[in-house]
N, C-alpha and C. Protein backbone atom coordinates (compact mmCIF):
# COMPACT_ATOMS: atom_id res chain seq x y z
N MET A 1 -29.75 105.54 161.73
CA MET A 1 -28.53 105.29 162.46
C MET A 1 -28.04 103.89 162.12
N GLY A 2 -26.77 103.75 161.84
CA GLY A 2 -26.19 102.46 161.51
C GLY A 2 -25.88 101.65 162.74
N ALA A 3 -25.70 100.37 162.54
CA ALA A 3 -25.42 99.48 163.66
C ALA A 3 -24.07 99.80 164.30
N SER A 4 -23.15 100.37 163.51
CA SER A 4 -21.80 100.60 164.02
C SER A 4 -21.76 101.63 165.13
N ASN A 5 -22.72 102.55 165.18
CA ASN A 5 -22.65 103.57 166.22
C ASN A 5 -23.83 103.52 167.18
N CYS A 6 -24.53 102.41 167.28
CA CYS A 6 -25.70 102.35 168.17
C CYS A 6 -25.29 102.50 169.63
N LEU A 7 -24.08 102.10 170.02
CA LEU A 7 -23.66 102.26 171.40
C LEU A 7 -23.34 103.71 171.72
N ASP A 8 -23.08 104.51 170.69
CA ASP A 8 -22.79 105.92 170.93
C ASP A 8 -24.04 106.72 171.22
N ASP A 9 -25.22 106.21 170.88
CA ASP A 9 -26.47 106.95 171.06
C ASP A 9 -27.06 106.65 172.43
N THR A 10 -26.64 107.40 173.42
CA THR A 10 -27.13 107.19 174.78
C THR A 10 -28.32 108.09 175.07
N ARG A 11 -28.72 108.93 174.11
CA ARG A 11 -29.87 109.82 174.23
C ARG A 11 -29.89 110.58 175.55
N GLY A 12 -28.77 111.20 175.85
CA GLY A 12 -28.71 112.07 177.02
C GLY A 12 -28.32 111.37 178.32
N LEU A 13 -28.11 110.07 178.29
CA LEU A 13 -27.69 109.37 179.50
C LEU A 13 -26.22 109.62 179.77
N SER A 14 -25.87 109.70 181.03
CA SER A 14 -24.44 109.77 181.35
C SER A 14 -23.83 108.42 181.03
N ARG A 15 -22.52 108.37 180.84
CA ARG A 15 -21.84 107.09 180.58
C ARG A 15 -22.12 106.10 181.69
N ARG A 16 -22.05 106.59 182.93
CA ARG A 16 -22.26 105.69 184.07
C ARG A 16 -23.69 105.12 184.04
N ALA A 17 -24.70 105.97 183.83
CA ALA A 17 -26.08 105.50 183.79
C ALA A 17 -26.29 104.53 182.63
N PHE A 18 -25.68 104.83 181.50
CA PHE A 18 -25.81 103.95 180.33
C PHE A 18 -25.23 102.57 180.62
N PHE A 19 -24.01 102.53 181.17
CA PHE A 19 -23.37 101.24 181.43
C PHE A 19 -24.00 100.52 182.62
N THR A 20 -24.48 101.27 183.62
CA THR A 20 -25.17 100.64 184.74
C THR A 20 -26.44 99.97 184.25
N GLY A 21 -27.20 100.67 183.39
CA GLY A 21 -28.41 100.09 182.81
C GLY A 21 -28.09 98.86 181.99
N GLY A 22 -27.00 98.92 181.23
CA GLY A 22 -26.59 97.76 180.43
C GLY A 22 -26.22 96.58 181.30
N ALA A 23 -25.53 96.85 182.41
CA ALA A 23 -25.16 95.77 183.33
C ALA A 23 -26.40 95.16 183.95
N ALA A 24 -27.38 95.99 184.28
CA ALA A 24 -28.63 95.47 184.85
C ALA A 24 -29.35 94.60 183.83
N ALA A 25 -29.36 95.04 182.59
CA ALA A 25 -30.01 94.24 181.54
C ALA A 25 -29.32 92.90 181.37
N LEU A 26 -27.99 92.90 181.40
CA LEU A 26 -27.25 91.64 181.28
C LEU A 26 -27.54 90.72 182.47
N THR A 27 -27.69 91.31 183.66
CA THR A 27 -28.02 90.51 184.83
C THR A 27 -29.38 89.85 184.66
N VAL A 28 -30.36 90.58 184.15
CA VAL A 28 -31.69 90.01 183.91
C VAL A 28 -31.60 88.89 182.88
N LEU A 29 -30.86 89.12 181.80
CA LEU A 29 -30.73 88.08 180.77
C LEU A 29 -30.03 86.85 181.32
N ALA A 30 -29.01 87.06 182.15
CA ALA A 30 -28.28 85.93 182.71
C ALA A 30 -29.15 85.14 183.68
N ALA A 31 -30.10 85.81 184.33
CA ALA A 31 -30.98 85.14 185.29
C ALA A 31 -32.08 84.35 184.62
N LYS A 32 -32.26 84.52 183.32
CA LYS A 32 -33.29 83.78 182.60
C LYS A 32 -32.98 82.29 182.68
N PRO A 33 -33.95 81.48 183.12
CA PRO A 33 -33.68 80.06 183.30
C PRO A 33 -33.33 79.36 182.01
N ALA A 34 -32.39 78.41 182.10
CA ALA A 34 -32.01 77.62 180.94
C ALA A 34 -33.19 76.86 180.39
N SER A 35 -34.17 76.57 181.25
CA SER A 35 -35.33 75.79 180.82
C SER A 35 -36.18 76.54 179.80
N ALA A 36 -35.94 77.84 179.62
CA ALA A 36 -36.75 78.60 178.67
C ALA A 36 -36.42 78.25 177.22
N SER A 37 -35.40 77.43 177.00
CA SER A 37 -34.99 77.13 175.64
C SER A 37 -36.07 76.44 174.82
N ILE A 38 -36.88 75.60 175.42
CA ILE A 38 -37.93 74.92 174.68
C ILE A 38 -39.21 75.76 174.70
N LEU A 39 -39.44 76.47 175.78
CA LEU A 39 -40.67 77.23 175.93
C LEU A 39 -40.62 78.51 175.12
N THR A 40 -41.77 78.92 174.68
CA THR A 40 -41.91 80.18 173.97
C THR A 40 -42.84 81.08 174.76
N ALA A 41 -43.28 82.14 174.14
CA ALA A 41 -44.16 83.08 174.82
C ALA A 41 -45.59 82.55 174.96
N ARG A 42 -45.87 81.42 174.41
CA ARG A 42 -47.24 80.88 174.51
C ARG A 42 -47.59 80.56 175.96
N PRO A 43 -48.88 80.48 176.26
CA PRO A 43 -49.29 80.14 177.64
C PRO A 43 -48.71 78.80 178.08
N ARG A 44 -48.44 78.70 179.37
CA ARG A 44 -47.91 77.47 179.95
C ARG A 44 -48.87 76.96 181.01
N PHE A 45 -49.04 75.68 181.05
CA PHE A 45 -49.90 75.06 182.03
C PHE A 45 -49.28 73.76 182.50
N LEU A 46 -49.76 73.29 183.62
CA LEU A 46 -49.35 71.99 184.13
C LEU A 46 -50.58 71.23 184.58
N SER A 47 -50.58 69.94 184.32
CA SER A 47 -51.58 69.03 184.86
C SER A 47 -50.88 68.19 185.91
N LEU A 48 -51.43 68.21 187.11
CA LEU A 48 -50.80 67.53 188.25
C LEU A 48 -51.84 66.72 189.00
N GLU A 49 -51.40 65.58 189.50
CA GLU A 49 -52.23 64.76 190.37
C GLU A 49 -51.41 64.44 191.62
N ASN A 50 -51.86 64.93 192.76
CA ASN A 50 -51.18 64.64 194.02
C ASN A 50 -51.66 63.26 194.49
N LEU A 51 -50.77 62.29 194.50
CA LEU A 51 -51.15 60.93 194.84
C LEU A 51 -51.52 60.75 196.31
N HIS A 52 -51.12 61.68 197.17
CA HIS A 52 -51.44 61.57 198.60
C HIS A 52 -52.79 62.17 198.93
N THR A 53 -53.20 63.21 198.21
CA THR A 53 -54.47 63.87 198.51
C THR A 53 -55.56 63.53 197.49
N GLY A 54 -55.15 63.00 196.34
CA GLY A 54 -56.11 62.69 195.29
C GLY A 54 -56.50 63.90 194.45
N GLU A 55 -55.97 65.07 194.76
CA GLU A 55 -56.31 66.28 194.01
C GLU A 55 -55.69 66.25 192.62
N LYS A 56 -56.47 66.72 191.64
CA LYS A 56 -56.00 66.84 190.26
C LYS A 56 -56.32 68.25 189.78
N ILE A 57 -55.34 68.84 189.10
CA ILE A 57 -55.59 70.16 188.51
C ILE A 57 -54.91 70.26 187.15
N LYS A 58 -55.43 71.15 186.35
CA LYS A 58 -54.75 71.63 185.16
C LYS A 58 -54.78 73.14 185.30
N ALA A 59 -53.62 73.73 185.51
CA ALA A 59 -53.56 75.16 185.81
C ALA A 59 -52.62 75.88 184.85
N GLU A 60 -53.10 76.96 184.27
CA GLU A 60 -52.25 77.84 183.49
C GLU A 60 -51.53 78.75 184.49
N TYR A 61 -50.20 78.85 184.35
CA TYR A 61 -49.45 79.66 185.30
C TYR A 61 -48.62 80.75 184.60
N TRP A 62 -48.62 80.76 183.28
CA TRP A 62 -47.87 81.75 182.50
C TRP A 62 -48.73 82.14 181.32
N ALA A 63 -48.94 83.44 181.12
CA ALA A 63 -49.84 83.91 180.07
C ALA A 63 -49.10 84.49 178.88
N GLY A 64 -47.87 84.10 178.67
CA GLY A 64 -47.12 84.58 177.51
C GLY A 64 -46.20 85.74 177.81
N ARG A 65 -46.50 86.49 178.86
CA ARG A 65 -45.63 87.60 179.24
C ARG A 65 -45.43 87.72 180.73
N GLU A 66 -46.24 86.98 181.50
CA GLU A 66 -46.12 87.08 182.95
C GLU A 66 -46.65 85.82 183.63
N TYR A 67 -46.14 85.58 184.82
CA TYR A 67 -46.65 84.49 185.62
C TYR A 67 -47.99 84.90 186.22
N LEU A 68 -48.89 83.96 186.32
CA LEU A 68 -50.24 84.22 186.81
C LEU A 68 -50.35 83.82 188.27
N SER A 69 -50.62 84.78 189.13
CA SER A 69 -50.64 84.50 190.57
C SER A 69 -51.70 83.46 190.93
N ASP A 70 -52.85 83.47 190.27
CA ASP A 70 -53.89 82.49 190.57
C ASP A 70 -53.42 81.07 190.22
N GLY A 71 -52.83 80.90 189.06
CA GLY A 71 -52.32 79.58 188.66
C GLY A 71 -51.20 79.12 189.56
N LEU A 72 -50.30 80.02 189.92
CA LEU A 72 -49.20 79.66 190.82
C LEU A 72 -49.73 79.24 192.19
N ALA A 73 -50.75 79.95 192.67
CA ALA A 73 -51.34 79.62 193.97
C ALA A 73 -52.04 78.25 193.93
N ARG A 74 -52.75 77.97 192.83
CA ARG A 74 -53.41 76.67 192.70
C ARG A 74 -52.40 75.54 192.68
N ILE A 75 -51.30 75.74 191.95
CA ILE A 75 -50.25 74.72 191.89
C ILE A 75 -49.63 74.53 193.27
N ALA A 76 -49.32 75.62 193.96
CA ALA A 76 -48.71 75.53 195.29
C ALA A 76 -49.63 74.78 196.26
N THR A 77 -50.93 74.98 196.13
CA THR A 77 -51.88 74.29 197.00
C THR A 77 -51.86 72.79 196.75
N VAL A 78 -51.84 72.39 195.50
CA VAL A 78 -51.82 70.95 195.18
C VAL A 78 -50.48 70.33 195.57
N LEU A 79 -49.40 71.09 195.49
CA LEU A 79 -48.07 70.57 195.82
C LEU A 79 -47.70 70.80 197.29
N ARG A 80 -48.67 71.18 198.11
CA ARG A 80 -48.40 71.45 199.53
C ARG A 80 -47.91 70.19 200.24
N ASP A 81 -47.37 70.41 201.41
CA ASP A 81 -46.93 69.29 202.26
C ASP A 81 -48.20 68.61 202.77
N HIS A 82 -48.46 67.40 202.29
CA HIS A 82 -49.69 66.71 202.67
C HIS A 82 -49.69 66.26 204.13
N ARG A 83 -48.54 66.25 204.76
CA ARG A 83 -48.45 65.84 206.16
C ARG A 83 -48.93 66.95 207.09
N SER A 84 -48.58 68.19 206.75
CA SER A 84 -48.90 69.32 207.62
C SER A 84 -49.89 70.31 206.99
N ASN A 85 -50.20 70.13 205.72
CA ASN A 85 -51.03 71.06 204.93
C ASN A 85 -50.35 72.41 204.72
N ALA A 86 -49.06 72.51 204.98
CA ALA A 86 -48.33 73.76 204.76
C ALA A 86 -48.17 73.99 203.26
N VAL A 87 -48.49 75.21 202.85
CA VAL A 87 -48.37 75.61 201.44
C VAL A 87 -47.17 76.53 201.32
N HIS A 88 -46.41 76.35 200.24
CA HIS A 88 -45.22 77.17 200.00
C HIS A 88 -45.16 77.47 198.50
N ALA A 89 -44.69 78.64 198.14
CA ALA A 89 -44.54 78.99 196.73
C ALA A 89 -43.61 77.98 196.05
N ILE A 90 -43.96 77.61 194.83
CA ILE A 90 -43.14 76.70 194.05
C ILE A 90 -42.33 77.53 193.06
N ASP A 91 -41.05 77.27 192.99
CA ASP A 91 -40.14 78.01 192.13
C ASP A 91 -40.62 77.91 190.67
N THR A 92 -40.74 79.06 190.02
CA THR A 92 -41.24 79.06 188.64
C THR A 92 -40.27 78.37 187.68
N THR A 93 -38.99 78.35 188.01
CA THR A 93 -38.03 77.63 187.17
C THR A 93 -38.33 76.14 187.20
N LEU A 94 -38.77 75.62 188.35
CA LEU A 94 -39.15 74.22 188.44
C LEU A 94 -40.39 73.96 187.58
N LEU A 95 -41.36 74.86 187.63
CA LEU A 95 -42.56 74.69 186.81
C LEU A 95 -42.21 74.72 185.32
N ASP A 96 -41.34 75.64 184.93
CA ASP A 96 -40.91 75.70 183.53
C ASP A 96 -40.15 74.43 183.14
N THR A 97 -39.36 73.90 184.06
CA THR A 97 -38.64 72.66 183.80
C THR A 97 -39.63 71.52 183.57
N LEU A 98 -40.69 71.46 184.37
CA LEU A 98 -41.71 70.43 184.16
C LEU A 98 -42.40 70.60 182.81
N CYS A 99 -42.66 71.83 182.41
CA CYS A 99 -43.25 72.06 181.07
C CYS A 99 -42.29 71.59 179.98
N ASN A 100 -41.02 71.91 180.15
CA ASN A 100 -40.02 71.44 179.18
C ASN A 100 -39.96 69.92 179.15
N LEU A 101 -40.06 69.31 180.32
CA LEU A 101 -40.03 67.86 180.39
C LEU A 101 -41.25 67.26 179.67
N ARG A 102 -42.39 67.85 179.90
CA ARG A 102 -43.60 67.39 179.19
C ARG A 102 -43.40 67.48 177.67
N GLU A 103 -42.85 68.58 177.22
CA GLU A 103 -42.59 68.76 175.78
C GLU A 103 -41.58 67.73 175.29
N ARG A 104 -40.52 67.53 176.05
CA ARG A 104 -39.47 66.58 175.66
C ARG A 104 -40.03 65.16 175.58
N LEU A 105 -40.93 64.82 176.50
CA LEU A 105 -41.55 63.49 176.50
C LEU A 105 -42.62 63.36 175.42
N GLY A 106 -43.10 64.50 174.92
CA GLY A 106 -44.15 64.48 173.91
C GLY A 106 -45.48 63.98 174.45
N ILE A 107 -45.75 64.32 175.71
CA ILE A 107 -47.00 63.84 176.33
C ILE A 107 -48.00 64.98 176.46
N HIS A 108 -49.26 64.61 176.53
CA HIS A 108 -50.32 65.59 176.77
C HIS A 108 -50.98 65.33 178.12
N THR A 109 -50.54 64.26 178.78
CA THR A 109 -51.06 63.94 180.10
C THR A 109 -50.29 64.74 181.13
N GLY A 110 -50.65 64.55 182.37
CA GLY A 110 -49.98 65.27 183.44
C GLY A 110 -49.00 64.41 184.21
N PHE A 111 -48.52 64.98 185.28
CA PHE A 111 -47.56 64.31 186.16
C PHE A 111 -48.28 63.83 187.41
N GLN A 112 -47.95 62.63 187.83
CA GLN A 112 -48.37 62.17 189.15
C GLN A 112 -47.29 62.63 190.12
N VAL A 113 -47.72 63.23 191.22
CA VAL A 113 -46.78 63.82 192.17
C VAL A 113 -46.72 62.98 193.43
N ILE A 114 -45.53 62.53 193.75
CA ILE A 114 -45.29 61.79 194.98
C ILE A 114 -44.94 62.76 196.10
N SER A 115 -44.13 63.77 195.77
CA SER A 115 -43.74 64.77 196.76
C SER A 115 -43.44 66.09 196.08
N GLY A 116 -44.05 67.14 196.58
CA GLY A 116 -43.76 68.50 196.12
C GLY A 116 -43.06 69.23 197.25
N TYR A 117 -43.73 70.25 197.79
CA TYR A 117 -43.16 70.99 198.91
C TYR A 117 -43.16 70.10 200.17
N ARG A 118 -42.10 70.25 200.96
CA ARG A 118 -42.02 69.61 202.28
C ARG A 118 -41.64 70.66 203.31
N SER A 119 -42.39 70.72 204.39
CA SER A 119 -42.02 71.63 205.48
C SER A 119 -40.73 71.12 206.12
N PRO A 120 -39.99 72.00 206.78
CA PRO A 120 -38.78 71.54 207.47
C PRO A 120 -39.06 70.41 208.46
N ALA A 121 -40.18 70.48 209.17
CA ALA A 121 -40.52 69.43 210.14
C ALA A 121 -40.76 68.10 209.44
N SER A 122 -41.50 68.12 208.34
CA SER A 122 -41.75 66.89 207.59
C SER A 122 -40.47 66.33 207.01
N ASN A 123 -39.63 67.21 206.49
CA ASN A 123 -38.37 66.76 205.92
C ASN A 123 -37.48 66.12 206.98
N ALA A 124 -37.44 66.73 208.17
CA ALA A 124 -36.62 66.19 209.26
C ALA A 124 -37.13 64.80 209.67
N ALA A 125 -38.44 64.63 209.73
CA ALA A 125 -39.00 63.33 210.09
C ALA A 125 -38.68 62.29 209.02
N LEU A 126 -38.78 62.66 207.76
CA LEU A 126 -38.46 61.73 206.67
C LEU A 126 -36.97 61.39 206.68
N HIS A 127 -36.14 62.40 206.94
CA HIS A 127 -34.70 62.17 207.00
C HIS A 127 -34.34 61.20 208.13
N ALA A 128 -35.00 61.35 209.27
CA ALA A 128 -34.74 60.46 210.40
C ALA A 128 -35.12 59.01 210.08
N ALA A 129 -36.10 58.84 209.21
CA ALA A 129 -36.57 57.50 208.87
C ALA A 129 -35.85 56.90 207.67
N SER A 130 -35.16 57.73 206.88
CA SER A 130 -34.53 57.23 205.65
C SER A 130 -33.27 58.03 205.32
N GLU A 131 -32.23 57.31 204.97
CA GLU A 131 -30.99 57.97 204.54
C GLU A 131 -31.14 58.62 203.17
N GLY A 132 -32.20 58.29 202.44
CA GLY A 132 -32.40 58.82 201.10
C GLY A 132 -32.97 60.22 201.06
N VAL A 133 -33.27 60.80 202.22
CA VAL A 133 -33.84 62.15 202.28
C VAL A 133 -32.76 63.11 202.75
N ALA A 134 -32.47 64.11 201.95
CA ALA A 134 -31.42 65.09 202.27
C ALA A 134 -31.83 65.99 203.43
N VAL A 135 -30.87 66.33 204.26
CA VAL A 135 -31.12 67.23 205.38
C VAL A 135 -31.58 68.59 204.87
N ARG A 136 -30.93 69.11 203.84
CA ARG A 136 -31.27 70.41 203.27
C ARG A 136 -31.95 70.23 201.91
N SER A 137 -32.96 69.42 201.89
CA SER A 137 -33.66 69.10 200.65
C SER A 137 -34.22 70.34 199.97
N LEU A 138 -34.11 70.37 198.65
CA LEU A 138 -34.70 71.47 197.88
C LEU A 138 -36.22 71.42 197.89
N HIS A 139 -36.80 70.31 198.34
CA HIS A 139 -38.26 70.25 198.52
C HIS A 139 -38.72 71.32 199.51
N MET A 140 -37.88 71.65 200.50
CA MET A 140 -38.24 72.64 201.52
C MET A 140 -38.24 74.07 200.97
N GLU A 141 -37.69 74.25 199.78
CA GLU A 141 -37.66 75.58 199.15
C GLU A 141 -38.62 75.67 197.97
N GLY A 142 -39.39 74.61 197.71
CA GLY A 142 -40.28 74.60 196.56
C GLY A 142 -39.51 74.49 195.25
N LYS A 143 -38.32 73.87 195.31
CA LYS A 143 -37.46 73.76 194.14
C LYS A 143 -37.24 72.32 193.70
N ALA A 144 -38.05 71.39 194.21
CA ALA A 144 -37.90 69.98 193.86
C ALA A 144 -39.26 69.30 193.85
N ILE A 145 -39.34 68.25 193.05
CA ILE A 145 -40.58 67.48 192.94
C ILE A 145 -40.23 66.04 192.60
N ASP A 146 -41.01 65.11 193.13
CA ASP A 146 -40.87 63.69 192.80
C ASP A 146 -42.09 63.30 191.99
N ILE A 147 -41.85 62.74 190.79
CA ILE A 147 -42.95 62.51 189.85
C ILE A 147 -42.85 61.15 189.15
N ARG A 148 -43.92 60.82 188.49
CA ARG A 148 -43.94 59.77 187.48
C ARG A 148 -45.00 60.16 186.47
N VAL A 149 -44.98 59.48 185.31
CA VAL A 149 -45.92 59.78 184.24
C VAL A 149 -46.60 58.48 183.84
N PRO A 150 -47.91 58.40 184.01
CA PRO A 150 -48.62 57.18 183.63
C PRO A 150 -48.36 56.82 182.16
N GLY A 151 -48.03 55.56 181.93
CA GLY A 151 -47.81 55.09 180.57
C GLY A 151 -46.43 55.36 180.01
N VAL A 152 -45.56 55.98 180.78
CA VAL A 152 -44.20 56.28 180.32
C VAL A 152 -43.23 55.61 181.29
N SER A 153 -42.27 54.89 180.74
CA SER A 153 -41.31 54.19 181.62
C SER A 153 -40.54 55.20 182.46
N LEU A 154 -40.25 54.80 183.67
CA LEU A 154 -39.51 55.64 184.59
C LEU A 154 -38.14 56.00 184.02
N ALA A 155 -37.49 55.04 183.37
CA ALA A 155 -36.17 55.29 182.78
C ALA A 155 -36.27 56.36 181.68
N HIS A 156 -37.36 56.35 180.93
CA HIS A 156 -37.54 57.35 179.87
C HIS A 156 -37.75 58.74 180.48
N VAL A 157 -38.53 58.80 181.56
CA VAL A 157 -38.73 60.09 182.25
C VAL A 157 -37.39 60.59 182.78
N ARG A 158 -36.60 59.71 183.40
CA ARG A 158 -35.27 60.07 183.91
C ARG A 158 -34.38 60.61 182.79
N ASP A 159 -34.31 59.87 181.69
CA ASP A 159 -33.43 60.27 180.59
C ASP A 159 -33.85 61.61 179.99
N ALA A 160 -35.15 61.82 179.85
CA ALA A 160 -35.65 63.09 179.32
C ALA A 160 -35.33 64.24 180.28
N ALA A 161 -35.50 64.00 181.57
CA ALA A 161 -35.18 65.04 182.57
C ALA A 161 -33.70 65.38 182.54
N ARG A 162 -32.85 64.36 182.44
CA ARG A 162 -31.41 64.59 182.36
C ARG A 162 -31.05 65.40 181.11
N SER A 163 -31.71 65.11 180.01
CA SER A 163 -31.38 65.78 178.75
C SER A 163 -31.64 67.29 178.80
N LEU A 164 -32.46 67.73 179.75
CA LEU A 164 -32.73 69.16 179.88
C LEU A 164 -31.56 69.92 180.50
N GLY A 165 -30.74 69.22 181.29
CA GLY A 165 -29.59 69.86 181.94
C GLY A 165 -29.99 71.02 182.83
N ALA A 166 -31.16 70.90 183.46
CA ALA A 166 -31.71 72.03 184.22
C ALA A 166 -31.49 71.94 185.72
N GLY A 167 -30.98 70.83 186.24
CA GLY A 167 -30.80 70.69 187.68
C GLY A 167 -30.56 69.24 188.02
N GLY A 168 -30.91 68.87 189.24
CA GLY A 168 -30.71 67.51 189.70
C GLY A 168 -31.80 66.56 189.23
N VAL A 169 -31.39 65.33 188.93
CA VAL A 169 -32.34 64.28 188.54
C VAL A 169 -31.95 63.02 189.30
N GLY A 170 -32.88 62.53 190.12
CA GLY A 170 -32.66 61.29 190.86
C GLY A 170 -33.60 60.21 190.36
N TYR A 171 -33.07 59.02 190.24
CA TYR A 171 -33.83 57.87 189.71
C TYR A 171 -34.07 56.88 190.84
N TYR A 172 -35.32 56.71 191.21
CA TYR A 172 -35.70 55.83 192.31
C TYR A 172 -36.61 54.72 191.76
N ALA A 173 -36.00 53.75 191.10
CA ALA A 173 -36.75 52.68 190.44
C ALA A 173 -37.57 51.87 191.44
N LYS A 174 -37.00 51.53 192.58
CA LYS A 174 -37.72 50.72 193.58
C LYS A 174 -38.93 51.46 194.14
N SER A 175 -38.83 52.76 194.28
CA SER A 175 -39.94 53.57 194.81
C SER A 175 -40.84 54.11 193.71
N ASP A 176 -40.47 53.88 192.45
CA ASP A 176 -41.28 54.24 191.28
C ASP A 176 -41.48 55.75 191.12
N PHE A 177 -40.38 56.52 191.19
CA PHE A 177 -40.49 57.94 190.87
C PHE A 177 -39.14 58.49 190.42
N VAL A 178 -39.21 59.65 189.80
CA VAL A 178 -38.02 60.42 189.40
C VAL A 178 -38.07 61.74 190.15
N HIS A 179 -36.96 62.09 190.75
CA HIS A 179 -36.82 63.37 191.44
C HIS A 179 -36.27 64.38 190.43
N VAL A 180 -36.88 65.56 190.39
CA VAL A 180 -36.41 66.65 189.52
C VAL A 180 -36.29 67.89 190.39
N ASP A 181 -35.14 68.57 190.30
CA ASP A 181 -35.00 69.82 191.04
C ASP A 181 -34.26 70.84 190.19
N VAL A 182 -34.24 72.08 190.68
CA VAL A 182 -33.57 73.16 189.95
C VAL A 182 -32.34 73.65 190.70
N GLY A 183 -31.71 72.74 191.42
CA GLY A 183 -30.42 73.03 192.04
C GLY A 183 -29.32 72.85 191.00
N ARG A 184 -28.13 72.59 191.46
CA ARG A 184 -27.03 72.38 190.51
C ARG A 184 -27.26 71.08 189.73
N VAL A 185 -26.70 71.00 188.55
CA VAL A 185 -26.87 69.81 187.70
C VAL A 185 -26.09 68.65 188.31
N ARG A 186 -26.80 67.56 188.59
CA ARG A 186 -26.21 66.35 189.13
C ARG A 186 -27.20 65.21 188.94
N TYR A 187 -26.69 63.99 188.93
CA TYR A 187 -27.54 62.81 188.69
C TYR A 187 -27.21 61.72 189.69
N TRP A 188 -28.22 61.00 190.10
CA TRP A 188 -28.03 59.86 190.97
C TRP A 188 -29.13 58.84 190.74
């Protein structure tokens, strides 16, 4: 069969079923995170150190074709709200963005984590104490993280994160961290 008539070969599907299936496929493709541009099908892992709990892990969370529930759970545990011990799922697009950032920085070390998941109660308390904490922070959805990388300048981490165009990047030089999230693209 030639390429010119491949759309005509529905193999017994009704037109509606064929086009509905095509629309669903396009929806899946459109939902693919932009951060996948650097990543391939190879396994993905993250090395993280929670500076508040002292926990360190290196966890594989993607095995080339699927996310690994054990790795995702281990990451969520390390990124839990250290104030309340509440654990929340971490958005896989954020994890992929961190992998892309590691690749962009050309590092083999991990990230030091200042803040991962925040419970609504913890976020409200932080917001009451500081204008720098958003009322509807993406930390409460597992879609944001505050990091630094030992041996890499904070400005370099910020610039590399911005170059990904994957979401928000905040630069907090006085507090010594970079905020990365998978919300809309914006910088501060």
